[in-house]
Amino acid sequence: MGKTALNKDLKAMALKVAQVLISELQLEDITSETFDIDLNLVDELGIDSMELTTVVLVLQDECGVVIDEEDYPNLTNIRLIAEYILKKKKA
């Protein structure tokens, strides 16, 4: 798989993660296209651990992957979550 395909996959997954975040947390004034994928969800957006858990559970269902609970603290932005899910899907 070439680098462009990965970027395309990453972009698509990042959009999906952003859509789930916006939907589950009822974020207003933001779209999946305008969501900064490097924004720290906890420090900059104020998402707490319960909200993050909710988002992770929805993503597990929608993406068909298992996200290990011990990895939650590392999933601090959309890019990291998207990369994590893509890596899990390949495994």
PDB file of N, CA and C in Angstrom:
ATOM      1  N   MET A   1       0.846  -1.181   0.000  1.00  0.00           N
ATOM      2  CA  MET A   1       0.000   0.000   0.000  1.00  0.00           C
ATOM      3  C   MET A   1       0.890   1.242   0.000  1.00  0.00           C
ATOM      4  N   GLY A   2       0.665   2.117  -0.956  1.00  0.00           N
ATOM      5  CA  GLY A   2       1.473   3.323  -1.060  1.00  0.00           C
ATOM      6  C   GLY A   2       1.080   4.358  -0.022  1.00  0.00           C
ATOM      7  N   LYS A   3       1.905   5.372   0.069  1.00  0.00           N
ATOM      8  CA  LYS A   3       1.674   6.412   1.072  1.00  0.00           C
ATOM      9  C   LYS A   3       0.367   7.166   0.812  1.00  0.00           C
ATOM     10  N   THR A   4       0.011   7.407  -0.449  1.00  0.00           N
ATOM     11  CA  THR A   4      -1.218   8.138  -0.739  1.00  0.00           C
ATOM     12  C   THR A   4      -2.449   7.347  -0.301  1.00  0.00           C
ATOM     13  N   ALA A   5      -2.415   6.029  -0.480  1.00  0.00           N
ATOM     14  CA  ALA A   5      -3.552   5.204  -0.065  1.00  0.00           C
ATOM     15  C   ALA A   5      -3.729   5.281   1.450  1.00  0.00           C
ATOM     16  N   LEU A   6      -2.625   5.244   2.182  1.00  0.00           N
ATOM     17  CA  LEU A   6      -2.690   5.333   3.631  1.00  0.00           C
ATOM     18  C   LEU A   6      -3.250   6.685   4.044  1.00  0.00           C
ATOM     19  N   ASN A   7      -2.784   7.754   3.409  1.00  0.00           N
ATOM     20  CA  ASN A   7      -3.298   9.077   3.734  1.00  0.00           C
ATOM     21  C   ASN A   7      -4.794   9.167   3.465  1.00  0.00           C
ATOM     22  N   LYS A   8      -5.226   8.551   2.367  1.00  0.00           N
ATOM     23  CA  LYS A   8      -6.647   8.541   2.032  1.00  0.00           C
ATOM     24  C   LYS A   8      -7.423   7.749   3.088  1.00  0.00           C
ATOM     25  N   ASP A   9      -6.896   6.585   3.484  1.00  0.00           N
ATOM     26  CA  ASP A   9      -7.534   5.779   4.524  1.00  0.00           C
ATOM     27  C   ASP A   9      -7.569   6.534   5.845  1.00  0.00           C
ATOM     28  N   LEU A  10      -6.449   7.180   6.170  1.00  0.00           N
ATOM     29  CA  LEU A  10      -6.369   7.923   7.420  1.00  0.00           C
ATOM     30  C   LEU A  10      -7.356   9.078   7.413  1.00  0.00           C
ATOM     31  N   LYS A  11      -7.451   9.772   6.291  1.00  0.00           N
ATOM     32  CA  LYS A  11      -8.380  10.895   6.201  1.00  0.00           C
ATOM     33  C   LYS A  11      -9.818  10.406   6.352  1.00  0.00           C
ATOM     34  N   ALA A  12     -10.157   9.313   5.692  1.00  0.00           N
ATOM     35  CA  ALA A  12     -11.508   8.761   5.783  1.00  0.00           C
ATOM     36  C   ALA A  12     -11.822   8.324   7.209  1.00  0.00           C
ATOM     37  N   MET A  13     -10.867   7.671   7.855  1.00  0.00           N
ATOM     38  CA  MET A  13     -11.089   7.221   9.233  1.00  0.00           C
ATOM     39  C   MET A  13     -11.185   8.415  10.178  1.00  0.00           C
ATOM     40  N   ALA A  14     -10.356   9.429   9.963  1.00  0.00           N
ATOM     41  CA  ALA A  14     -10.397  10.628  10.799  1.00  0.00           C
ATOM     42  C   ALA A  14     -11.754  11.316  10.688  1.00  0.00           C
ATOM     43  N   LEU A  15     -12.309  11.356   9.472  1.00  0.00           N
ATOM     44  CA  LEU A  15     -13.636  11.936   9.282  1.00  0.00           C
ATOM     45  C   LEU A  15     -14.688  11.139  10.041  1.00  0.00           C
ATOM     46  N   LYS A  16     -14.575   9.817  10.003  1.00  0.00           N
ATOM     47  CA  LYS A  16     -15.525   8.952  10.708  1.00  0.00           C
ATOM     48  C   LYS A  16     -15.432   9.181  12.220  1.00  0.00           C
ATOM     49  N   VAL A  17     -14.196   9.251  12.734  1.00  0.00           N
ATOM     50  CA  VAL A  17     -13.994   9.489  14.171  1.00  0.00           C
ATOM     51  C   VAL A  17     -14.585  10.841  14.556  1.00  0.00           C
ATOM     52  N   ALA A  18     -14.329  11.853  13.737  1.00  0.00           N
ATOM     53  CA  ALA A  18     -14.863  13.192  14.013  1.00  0.00           C
ATOM     54  C   ALA A  18     -16.390  13.178  14.025  1.00  0.00           C
ATOM     55  N   GLN A  19     -16.992  12.461  13.064  1.00  0.00           N
ATOM     56  CA  GLN A  19     -18.455  12.376  13.007  1.00  0.00           C
ATOM     57  C   GLN A  19     -19.020  11.739  14.271  1.00  0.00           C
ATOM     58  N   VAL A  20     -18.387  10.681  14.744  1.00  0.00           N
ATOM     59  CA  VAL A  20     -18.836  10.007  15.968  1.00  0.00           C
ATOM     60  C   VAL A  20     -18.694  10.947  17.167  1.00  0.00           C
ATOM     61  N   LEU A  21     -17.558  11.627  17.257  1.00  0.00           N
ATOM     62  CA  LEU A  21     -17.341  12.573  18.356  1.00  0.00           C
ATOM     63  C   LEU A  21     -18.410  13.662  18.364  1.00  0.00           C
ATOM     64  N   ILE A  22     -18.642  14.253  17.218  1.00  0.00           N
ATOM     65  CA  ILE A  22     -19.620  15.343  17.107  1.00  0.00           C
ATOM     66  C   ILE A  22     -21.012  14.847  17.468  1.00  0.00           C
ATOM     67  N   SER A  23     -21.369  13.674  16.966  1.00  0.00           N
ATOM     68  CA  SER A  23     -22.686  13.103  17.216  1.00  0.00           C
ATOM     69  C   SER A  23     -22.875  12.714  18.677  1.00  0.00           C
ATOM     70  N   GLU A  24     -21.931  11.947  19.221  1.00  0.00           N
ATOM     71  CA  GLU A  24     -22.055  11.428  20.584  1.00  0.00           C
ATOM     72  C   GLU A  24     -21.976  12.525  21.646  1.00  0.00           C
ATOM     73  N   LEU A  25     -21.159  13.532  21.386  1.00  0.00           N
ATOM     74  CA  LEU A  25     -20.962  14.586  22.382  1.00  0.00           C
ATOM     75  C   LEU A  25     -21.790  15.826  22.080  1.00  0.00           C
ATOM     76  N   GLN A  26     -22.587  15.731  21.022  1.00  0.00           N
ATOM     77  CA  GLN A  26     -23.474  16.819  20.614  1.00  0.00           C
ATOM     78  C   GLN A  26     -22.730  18.153  20.522  1.00  0.00           C
ATOM     79  N   LEU A  27     -21.599  18.118  19.823  1.00  0.00           N
ATOM     80  CA  LEU A  27     -20.800  19.318  19.617  1.00  0.00           C
ATOM     81  C   LEU A  27     -21.477  20.188  18.566  1.00  0.00           C
ATOM     82  N   GLU A  28     -21.499  21.463  18.825  1.00  0.00           N
ATOM     83  CA  GLU A  28     -22.121  22.398  17.891  1.00  0.00           C
ATOM     84  C   GLU A  28     -21.049  23.257  17.236  1.00  0.00           C
ATOM     85  N   ASP A  29     -21.418  23.878  16.132  1.00  0.00           N
ATOM     86  CA  ASP A  29     -20.534  24.810  15.421  1.00  0.00           C
ATOM     87  C   ASP A  29     -19.262  24.154  14.905  1.00  0.00           C
ATOM     88  N   ILE A  30     -19.314  22.844  14.669  1.00  0.00           N
ATOM     89  CA  ILE A  30     -18.145  22.155  14.114  1.00  0.00           C
ATOM     90  C   ILE A  30     -18.637  21.011  13.230  1.00  0.00           C
ATOM     91  N   THR A  31     -17.911  20.779  12.140  1.00  0.00           N
ATOM     92  CA  THR A  31     -18.244  19.658  11.261  1.00  0.00           C
ATOM     93  C   THR A  31     -17.049  18.718  11.222  1.00  0.00           C
ATOM     94  N   SER A  32     -17.285  17.515  10.719  1.00  0.00           N
ATOM     95  CA  SER A  32     -16.179  16.558  10.629  1.00  0.00           C
ATOM     96  C   SER A  32     -15.075  17.078   9.704  1.00  0.00           C
ATOM     97  N   GLU A  33     -15.444  17.900   8.723  1.00  0.00           N
ATOM     98  CA  GLU A  33     -14.444  18.443   7.799  1.00  0.00           C
ATOM     99  C   GLU A  33     -13.620  19.559   8.437  1.00  0.00           C
ATOM    100  N   THR A  34     -14.199  20.279   9.395  1.00  0.00           N
ATOM    101  CA  THR A  34     -13.471  21.408  10.004  1.00  0.00           C
ATOM    102  C   THR A  34     -12.836  21.043  11.337  1.00  0.00           C
ATOM    103  N   PHE A  35     -13.066  19.825  11.820  1.00  0.00           N
ATOM    104  CA  PHE A  35     -12.511  19.379  13.103  1.00  0.00           C
ATOM    105  C   PHE A  35     -11.007  19.219  12.963  1.00  0.00           C
ATOM    106  N   ASP A  36     -10.232  19.877  13.812  1.00  0.00           N
ATOM    107  CA  ASP A  36      -8.770  19.763  13.798  1.00  0.00           C
ATOM    108  C   ASP A  36      -8.397  18.388  14.342  1.00  0.00           C
ATOM    109  N   ILE A  37      -7.842  17.521  13.489  1.00  0.00           N
ATOM    110  CA  ILE A  37      -7.577  16.142  13.912  1.00  0.00           C
ATOM    111  C   ILE A  37      -6.436  16.044  14.926  1.00  0.00           C
ATOM    112  N   ASP A  38      -5.697  17.135  15.128  1.00  0.00           N
ATOM    113  CA  ASP A  38      -4.615  17.132  16.109  1.00  0.00           C
ATOM    114  C   ASP A  38      -5.001  17.847  17.412  1.00  0.00           C
ATOM    115  N   LEU A  39      -6.235  18.307  17.506  1.00  0.00           N
ATOM    116  CA  LEU A  39      -6.725  18.971  18.713  1.00  0.00           C
ATOM    117  C   LEU A  39      -6.770  17.961  19.851  1.00  0.00           C
ATOM    118  N   ASN A  40      -6.187  18.316  21.005  1.00  0.00           N
ATOM    119  CA  ASN A  40      -6.203  17.410  22.156  1.00  0.00           C
ATOM    120  C   ASN A  40      -7.615  17.386  22.728  1.00  0.00           C
ATOM    121  N   LEU A  41      -8.226  16.205  22.677  1.00  0.00           N
ATOM    122  CA  LEU A  41      -9.632  16.072  23.052  1.00  0.00           C
ATOM    123  C   LEU A  41      -9.876  16.334  24.542  1.00  0.00           C
ATOM    124  N   VAL A  42      -8.926  15.963  25.366  1.00  0.00           N
ATOM    125  CA  VAL A  42      -9.096  16.137  26.810  1.00  0.00           C
ATOM    126  C   VAL A  42      -8.678  17.548  27.230  1.00  0.00           C
ATOM    127  N   ASP A  43      -7.453  17.939  26.889  1.00  0.00           N
ATOM    128  CA  ASP A  43      -6.926  19.218  27.351  1.00  0.00           C
ATOM    129  C   ASP A  43      -7.554  20.427  26.661  1.00  0.00           C
ATOM    130  N   GLU A  44      -7.787  20.328  25.357  1.00  0.00           N
ATOM    131  CA  GLU A  44      -8.277  21.488  24.614  1.00  0.00           C
ATOM    132  C   GLU A  44      -9.793  21.490  24.412  1.00  0.00           C
ATOM    133  N   LEU A  45     -10.398  20.299  24.344  1.00  0.00           N
ATOM    134  CA  LEU A  45     -11.834  20.231  24.104  1.00  0.00           C
ATOM    135  C   LEU A  45     -12.616  19.940  25.390  1.00  0.00           C
ATOM    136  N   GLY A  46     -11.909  19.452  26.411  1.00  0.00           N
ATOM    137  CA  GLY A  46     -12.549  19.224  27.702  1.00  0.00           C
ATOM    138  C   GLY A  46     -13.361  17.944  27.796  1.00  0.00           C
ATOM    139  N   ILE A  47     -13.050  16.956  26.954  1.00  0.00           N
ATOM    140  CA  ILE A  47     -13.752  15.672  27.001  1.00  0.00           C
ATOM    141  C   ILE A  47     -13.271  14.899  28.222  1.00  0.00           C
ATOM    142  N   ASP A  48     -14.213  14.380  29.014  1.00  0.00           N
ATOM    143  CA  ASP A  48     -13.798  13.601  30.181  1.00  0.00           C
ATOM    144  C   ASP A  48     -13.724  12.113  29.831  1.00  0.00           C
ATOM    145  N   SER A  49     -13.258  11.316  30.781  1.00  0.00           N
ATOM    146  CA  SER A  49     -13.012   9.895  30.508  1.00  0.00           C
ATOM    147  C   SER A  49     -14.303   9.147  30.172  1.00  0.00           C
ATOM    148  N   MET A  50     -15.420   9.519  30.782  1.00  0.00           N
ATOM    149  CA  MET A  50     -16.697   8.854  30.473  1.00  0.00           C
ATOM    150  C   MET A  50     -17.123   9.144  29.034  1.00  0.00           C
ATOM    151  N   GLU A  51     -16.957  10.398  28.606  1.00  0.00           N
ATOM    152  CA  GLU A  51     -17.308  10.764  27.233  1.00  0.00           C
ATOM    153  C   GLU A  51     -16.403  10.039  26.245  1.00  0.00           C
ATOM    154  N   LEU A  52     -15.126   9.977  26.558  1.00  0.00           N
ATOM    155  CA  LEU A  52     -14.185   9.283  25.676  1.00  0.00           C
ATOM    156  C   LEU A  52     -14.537   7.804  25.585  1.00  0.00           C
ATOM    157  N   THR A  53     -14.910   7.204  26.705  1.00  0.00           N
ATOM    158  CA  THR A  53     -15.307   5.791  26.712  1.00  0.00           C
ATOM    159  C   THR A  53     -16.520   5.569  25.827  1.00  0.00           C
ATOM    160  N   THR A  54     -17.496   6.462  25.900  1.00  0.00           N
ATOM    161  CA  THR A  54     -18.691   6.366  25.061  1.00  0.00           C
ATOM    162  C   THR A  54     -18.319   6.404  23.586  1.00  0.00           C
ATOM    163  N   VAL A  55     -17.468   7.343  23.226  1.00  0.00           N
ATOM    164  CA  VAL A  55     -17.019   7.486  21.836  1.00  0.00           C
ATOM    165  C   VAL A  55     -16.284   6.218  21.391  1.00  0.00           C
ATOM    166  N   VAL A  56     -15.408   5.714  22.242  1.00  0.00           N
ATOM    167  CA  VAL A  56     -14.632   4.511  21.913  1.00  0.00           C
ATOM    168  C   VAL A  56     -15.560   3.314  21.692  1.00  0.00           C
ATOM    169  N   LEU A  57     -16.573   3.153  22.535  1.00  0.00           N
ATOM    170  CA  LEU A  57     -17.503   2.031  22.381  1.00  0.00           C
ATOM    171  C   LEU A  57     -18.263   2.111  21.056  1.00  0.00           C
ATOM    172  N   VAL A  58     -18.682   3.303  20.681  1.00  0.00           N
ATOM    173  CA  VAL A  58     -19.371   3.486  19.398  1.00  0.00           C
ATOM    174  C   VAL A  58     -18.420   3.169  18.249  1.00  0.00           C
ATOM    175  N   LEU A  59     -17.185   3.651  18.337  1.00  0.00           N
ATOM    176  CA  LEU A  59     -16.204   3.393  17.278  1.00  0.00           C
ATOM    177  C   LEU A  59     -15.904   1.898  17.158  1.00  0.00           C
ATOM    178  N   GLN A  60     -15.830   1.196  18.275  1.00  0.00           N
ATOM    179  CA  GLN A  60     -15.599  -0.251  18.235  1.00  0.00           C
ATOM    180  C   GLN A  60     -16.706  -0.930  17.438  1.00  0.00           C
ATOM    181  N   ASP A  61     -17.956  -0.559  17.716  1.00  0.00           N
ATOM    182  CA  ASP A  61     -19.097  -1.145  17.008  1.00  0.00           C
ATOM    183  C   ASP A  61     -19.061  -0.804  15.524  1.00  0.00           C
ATOM    184  N   GLU A  62     -18.847   0.472  15.220  1.00  0.00           N
ATOM    185  CA  GLU A  62     -18.908   0.922  13.825  1.00  0.00           C
ATOM    186  C   GLU A  62     -17.727   0.439  12.992  1.00  0.00           C
ATOM    187  N   CYS A  63     -16.568   0.266  13.625  1.00  0.00           N
ATOM    188  CA  CYS A  63     -15.359  -0.101  12.880  1.00  0.00           C
ATOM    189  C   CYS A  63     -15.006  -1.576  13.005  1.00  0.00           C
ATOM    190  N   GLY A  64     -15.686  -2.284  13.889  1.00  0.00           N
ATOM    191  CA  GLY A  64     -15.429  -3.705  14.039  1.00  0.00           C
ATOM    192  C   GLY A  64     -14.067  -4.032  14.624  1.00  0.00           C
ATOM    193  N   VAL A  65     -13.597  -3.189  15.547  1.00  0.00           N
ATOM    194  CA  VAL A  65     -12.309  -3.436  16.204  1.00  0.00           C
ATOM    195  C   VAL A  65     -12.504  -3.400  17.714  1.00  0.00           C
ATOM    196  N   VAL A  66     -11.537  -3.965  18.421  1.00  0.00           N
ATOM    197  CA  VAL A  66     -11.524  -3.877  19.875  1.00  0.00           C
ATOM    198  C   VAL A  66     -10.447  -2.873  20.264  1.00  0.00           C
ATOM    199  N   ILE A  67     -10.849  -1.863  21.016  1.00  0.00           N
ATOM    200  CA  ILE A  67      -9.904  -0.864  21.494  1.00  0.00           C
ATOM    201  C   ILE A  67      -9.620  -1.191  22.949  1.00  0.00           C
ATOM    202  N   ASP A  68      -8.373  -1.551  23.233  1.00  0.00           N
ATOM    203  CA  ASP A  68      -7.990  -1.978  24.569  1.00  0.00           C
ATOM    204  C   ASP A  68      -8.088  -0.822  25.555  1.00  0.00           C
ATOM    205  N   GLU A  69      -8.690  -1.095  26.708  1.00  0.00           N
ATOM    206  CA  GLU A  69      -8.913  -0.050  27.710  1.00  0.00           C
ATOM    207  C   GLU A  69      -7.609   0.612  28.149  1.00  0.00           C
ATOM    208  N   GLU A  70      -6.531  -0.160  28.214  1.00  0.00           N
ATOM    209  CA  GLU A  70      -5.260   0.439  28.632  1.00  0.00           C
ATOM    210  C   GLU A  70      -4.696   1.405  27.585  1.00  0.00           C
ATOM    211  N   ASP A  71      -5.239   1.376  26.368  1.00  0.00           N
ATOM    212  CA  ASP A  71      -4.788   2.293  25.316  1.00  0.00           C
ATOM    213  C   ASP A  71      -5.558   3.614  25.318  1.00  0.00           C
ATOM    214  N   TYR A  72      -6.675   3.676  26.041  1.00  0.00           N
ATOM    215  CA  TYR A  72      -7.488   4.899  26.048  1.00  0.00           C
ATOM    216  C   TYR A  72      -6.681   6.170  26.334  1.00  0.00           C
ATOM    217  N   PRO A  73      -5.788   6.159  27.347  1.00  0.00           N
ATOM    218  CA  PRO A  73      -5.048   7.392  27.647  1.00  0.00           C
ATOM    219  C   PRO A  73      -4.171   7.891  26.496  1.00  0.00           C
ATOM    220  N   ASN A  74      -3.805   6.995  25.570  1.00  0.00           N
ATOM    221  CA  ASN A  74      -2.974   7.392  24.424  1.00  0.00           C
ATOM    222  C   ASN A  74      -3.799   7.968  23.279  1.00  0.00           C
ATOM    223  N   LEU A  75      -5.103   7.809  23.325  1.00  0.00           N
ATOM    224  CA  LEU A  75      -5.968   8.241  22.228  1.00  0.00           C
ATOM    225  C   LEU A  75      -6.450   9.664  22.502  1.00  0.00           C
ATOM    226  N   THR A  76      -5.536  10.615  22.339  1.00  0.00           N
ATOM    227  CA  THR A  76      -5.811  11.984  22.768  1.00  0.00           C
ATOM    228  C   THR A  76      -6.303  12.910  21.662  1.00  0.00           C
ATOM    229  N   ASN A  77      -6.220  12.455  20.411  1.00  0.00           N
ATOM    230  CA  ASN A  77      -6.761  13.284  19.333  1.00  0.00           C
ATOM    231  C   ASN A  77      -7.281  12.379  18.210  1.00  0.00           C
ATOM    232  N   ILE A  78      -7.957  12.998  17.272  1.00  0.00           N
ATOM    233  CA  ILE A  78      -8.597  12.234  16.195  1.00  0.00           C
ATOM    234  C   ILE A  78      -7.567  11.475  15.364  1.00  0.00           C
ATOM    235  N   ARG A  79      -6.432  12.110  15.076  1.00  0.00           N
ATOM    236  CA  ARG A  79      -5.393  11.445  14.268  1.00  0.00           C
ATOM    237  C   ARG A  79      -4.935  10.151  14.947  1.00  0.00           C
ATOM    238  N   LEU A  80      -4.654  10.211  16.254  1.00  0.00           N
ATOM    239  CA  LEU A  80      -4.169   9.028  16.971  1.00  0.00           C
ATOM    240  C   LEU A  80      -5.242   7.933  17.027  1.00  0.00           C
ATOM    241  N   ILE A  81      -6.486   8.333  17.220  1.00  0.00           N
ATOM    242  CA  ILE A  81      -7.577   7.350  17.247  1.00  0.00           C
ATOM    243  C   ILE A  81      -7.717   6.688  15.880  1.00  0.00           C
ATOM    244  N   ALA A  82      -7.684   7.487  14.818  1.00  0.00           N
ATOM    245  CA  ALA A  82      -7.817   6.958  13.455  1.00  0.00           C
ATOM    246  C   ALA A  82      -6.668   6.016  13.115  1.00  0.00           C
ATOM    247  N   GLU A  83      -5.429   6.404  13.463  1.00  0.00           N
ATOM    248  CA  GLU A  83      -4.270   5.548  13.194  1.00  0.00           C
ATOM    249  C   GLU A  83      -4.382   4.239  13.981  1.00  0.00           C
ATOM    250  N   TYR A  84      -4.823   4.325  15.213  1.00  0.00           N
ATOM    251  CA  TYR A  84      -4.984   3.155  16.065  1.00  0.00           C
ATOM    252  C   TYR A  84      -5.997   2.175  15.460  1.00  0.00           C
ATOM    253  N   ILE A  85      -7.140   2.710  15.036  1.00  0.00           N
ATOM    254  CA  ILE A  85      -8.179   1.847  14.450  1.00  0.00           C
ATOM    255  C   ILE A  85      -7.682   1.209  13.153  1.00  0.00           C
ATOM    256  N   LEU A  86      -7.016   1.971  12.304  1.00  0.00           N
ATOM    257  CA  LEU A  86      -6.497   1.413  11.054  1.00  0.00           C
ATOM    258  C   LEU A  86      -5.491   0.303  11.331  1.00  0.00           C
ATOM    259  N   LYS A  87      -4.631   0.499  12.328  1.00  0.00           N
ATOM    260  CA  LYS A  87      -3.650  -0.526  12.681  1.00  0.00           C
ATOM    261  C   LYS A  87      -4.362  -1.780  13.191  1.00  0.00           C
ATOM    262  N   LYS A  88      -5.384  -1.611  13.995  1.00  0.00           N
ATOM    263  CA  LYS A  88      -6.150  -2.755  14.525  1.00  0.00           C
ATOM    264  C   LYS A  88      -6.856  -3.513  13.402  1.00  0.00           C
ATOM    265  N   LYS A  89      -7.392  -2.773  12.429  1.00  0.00           N
ATOM    266  CA  LYS A  89      -8.103  -3.421  11.312  1.00  0.00           C
ATOM    267  C   LYS A  89      -7.156  -4.275  10.463  1.00  0.00           C
ATOM    268  N   LYS A  90      -5.880  -3.877  10.377  1.00  0.00           N
ATOM    269  CA  LYS A  90      -4.908  -4.627   9.592  1.00  0.00           C
ATOM    270  C   LYS A  90      -4.402  -5.855  10.339  1.00  0.00           C
ATOM    271  N   ALA A  91      -4.444  -5.808  11.660  1.00  0.00           N
ATOM    272  CA  ALA A  91      -3.883  -6.900  12.472  1.00  0.00           C
ATOM    273  C   ALA A  91      -4.705  -8.176  12.341  1.00  0.00           C
TER     274      ALA A  91
END
